[in-house]
């Protein structure tokens, strides 16, 4: 499973800071994410393979595989809607 091409292009333009503030300079939108969301965004900007991203999150955060699977799908769907 790979990050969607359209989403991948949108992710590349996002500006992130260490406190979880996310800015989309093209659309002028901003939002905040929690530490795991920030880690996920940073990984998604660098890595297209979802399985490698999930492996890294499992390593870095205390989360079950089932919870991670659900959260990654939900997060991706939210990003797709937000970054249109």
C-alpha atoms as a PDB file:
ATOM      1  CA  UNK A   1       0.000   0.000   0.000  1.00  0.00           C
ATOM      2  CA  UNK A   2       1.370   3.396  -1.006  1.00  0.00           C
ATOM      3  CA  UNK A   3       0.460   6.950  -0.108  1.00  0.00           C
ATOM      4  CA  UNK A   4      -2.002   8.262  -2.710  1.00  0.00           C
ATOM      5  CA  UNK A   5      -0.183  10.342  -5.411  1.00  0.00           C
ATOM      6  CA  UNK A   6      -2.537  13.323  -5.007  1.00  0.00           C
ATOM      7  CA  UNK A   7      -2.147  13.200  -1.233  1.00  0.00           C
ATOM      8  CA  UNK A   8       1.627  12.786  -1.605  1.00  0.00           C
ATOM      9  CA  UNK A   9       1.879  16.024  -3.621  1.00  0.00           C
ATOM     10  CA  UNK A  10      -0.241  17.868  -1.050  1.00  0.00           C
ATOM     11  CA  UNK A  11       1.835  16.534   1.849  1.00  0.00           C
ATOM     12  CA  UNK A  12       5.046  17.834   0.305  1.00  0.00           C
ATOM     13  CA  UNK A  13       3.815  21.415   0.424  1.00  0.00           C
ATOM     14  CA  UNK A  14       2.875  21.330   4.124  1.00  0.00           C
ATOM     15  CA  UNK A  15       5.044  23.254   6.551  1.00  0.00           C
ATOM     16  CA  UNK A  16       5.321  21.595   9.971  1.00  0.00           C
ATOM     17  CA  UNK A  17       6.776  22.801  13.220  1.00  0.00           C
ATOM     18  CA  UNK A  18       7.765  20.786  16.264  1.00  0.00           C
ATOM     19  CA  UNK A  19       4.752  21.887  18.306  1.00  0.00           C
ATOM     20  CA  UNK A  20       2.329  20.279  15.825  1.00  0.00           C
ATOM     21  CA  UNK A  21       1.328  23.383  13.882  1.00  0.00           C
ATOM     22  CA  UNK A  22       0.729  22.523  10.215  1.00  0.00           C
ATOM     23  CA  UNK A  23       0.412  25.146   7.485  1.00  0.00           C
ATOM     24  CA  UNK A  24      -0.602  24.647   3.861  1.00  0.00           C
ATOM     25  CA  UNK A  25       0.854  27.701   2.063  1.00  0.00           C
ATOM     26  CA  UNK A  26      -0.985  26.959  -1.177  1.00  0.00           C
ATOM     27  CA  UNK A  27      -4.438  26.918   0.403  1.00  0.00           C
ATOM     28  CA  UNK A  28      -3.702  29.217   3.344  1.00  0.00           C
ATOM     29  CA  UNK A  29      -5.099  26.653   5.792  1.00  0.00           C
ATOM     30  CA  UNK A  30      -3.553  25.671   9.084  1.00  0.00           C
ATOM     31  CA  UNK A  31      -4.294  23.044  11.699  1.00  0.00           C
ATOM     32  CA  UNK A  32      -2.634  21.354  14.622  1.00  0.00           C
ATOM     33  CA  UNK A  33      -1.873  17.701  15.246  1.00  0.00           C
ATOM     34  CA  UNK A  34      -0.855  15.746  18.328  1.00  0.00           C
ATOM     35  CA  UNK A  35       2.656  14.207  18.631  1.00  0.00           C
ATOM     36  CA  UNK A  36       1.701  10.973  16.879  1.00  0.00           C
ATOM     37  CA  UNK A  37      -0.046  12.906  14.094  1.00  0.00           C
ATOM     38  CA  UNK A  38       3.036  15.058  13.651  1.00  0.00           C
ATOM     39  CA  UNK A  39       5.268  11.983  13.482  1.00  0.00           C
ATOM     40  CA  UNK A  40       2.906  10.416  10.957  1.00  0.00           C
ATOM     41  CA  UNK A  41       2.907  13.539   8.756  1.00  0.00           C
ATOM     42  CA  UNK A  42       6.703  13.790   8.852  1.00  0.00           C
ATOM     43  CA  UNK A  43       7.035  10.142   7.877  1.00  0.00           C
ATOM     44  CA  UNK A  44       4.435  10.495   5.132  1.00  0.00           C
ATOM     45  CA  UNK A  45       6.341  13.458   3.682  1.00  0.00           C
ATOM     46  CA  UNK A  46       9.506  11.339   3.464  1.00  0.00           C
ATOM     47  CA  UNK A  47       8.242   7.803   2.870  1.00  0.00           C
ATOM     48  CA  UNK A  48       5.567   6.570   0.502  1.00  0.00           C
ATOM     49  CA  UNK A  49       5.252   3.009   1.784  1.00  0.00           C
ATOM     50  CA  UNK A  50       2.486   2.881   4.396  1.00  0.00           C
ATOM     51  CA  UNK A  51       3.771  -0.402   5.866  1.00  0.00           C
ATOM     52  CA  UNK A  52       7.162   1.153   6.666  1.00  0.00           C
ATOM     53  CA  UNK A  53       5.425   4.189   8.128  1.00  0.00           C
ATOM     54  CA  UNK A  54       3.224   2.005  10.344  1.00  0.00           C
ATOM     55  CA  UNK A  55       6.255  -0.015  11.472  1.00  0.00           C
ATOM     56  CA  UNK A  56       8.041   3.181  12.546  1.00  0.00           C
ATOM     57  CA  UNK A  57       4.994   4.500  14.443  1.00  0.00           C
ATOM     58  CA  UNK A  58       4.616   1.131  16.213  1.00  0.00           C
ATOM     59  CA  UNK A  59       8.259   1.394  17.215  1.00  0.00           C
ATOM     60  CA  UNK A  60       8.039   5.003  18.426  1.00  0.00           C
ATOM     61  CA  UNK A  61       4.625   5.037  20.156  1.00  0.00           C
ATOM     62  CA  UNK A  62       2.804   2.780  22.592  1.00  0.00           C
ATOM     63  CA  UNK A  63      -0.064   1.760  20.325  1.00  0.00           C
ATOM     64  CA  UNK A  64      -1.555  -1.552  19.239  1.00  0.00           C
ATOM     65  CA  UNK A  65      -1.436  -2.656  15.620  1.00  0.00           C
ATOM     66  CA  UNK A  66      -5.243  -2.622  15.447  1.00  0.00           C
ATOM     67  CA  UNK A  67      -5.482   0.930  16.799  1.00  0.00           C
ATOM     68  CA  UNK A  68      -2.719   2.100  14.493  1.00  0.00           C
ATOM     69  CA  UNK A  69      -4.380   0.539  11.435  1.00  0.00           C
ATOM     70  CA  UNK A  70      -7.671   2.265  12.233  1.00  0.00           C
ATOM     71  CA  UNK A  71      -6.044   5.591  13.056  1.00  0.00           C
ATOM     72  CA  UNK A  72      -3.862   5.681   9.928  1.00  0.00           C
ATOM     73  CA  UNK A  73      -6.856   5.025   7.665  1.00  0.00           C
ATOM     74  CA  UNK A  74      -8.912   7.688   9.464  1.00  0.00           C
ATOM     75  CA  UNK A  75      -6.030  10.190   9.413  1.00  0.00           C
ATOM     76  CA  UNK A  76      -5.520   9.636   5.666  1.00  0.00           C
ATOM     77  CA  UNK A  77      -9.213  10.205   4.997  1.00  0.00           C
ATOM     78  CA  UNK A  78      -9.192  13.422   7.017  1.00  0.00           C
ATOM     79  CA  UNK A  79      -6.108  14.642   5.167  1.00  0.00           C
ATOM     80  CA  UNK A  80      -7.672  13.895   1.771  1.00  0.00           C
ATOM     81  CA  UNK A  81     -10.744  15.960   2.677  1.00  0.00           C
ATOM     82  CA  UNK A  82      -8.703  18.795   4.160  1.00  0.00           C
ATOM     83  CA  UNK A  83      -6.062  19.021   1.443  1.00  0.00           C
ATOM     84  CA  UNK A  84      -8.423  19.124  -1.561  1.00  0.00           C
END
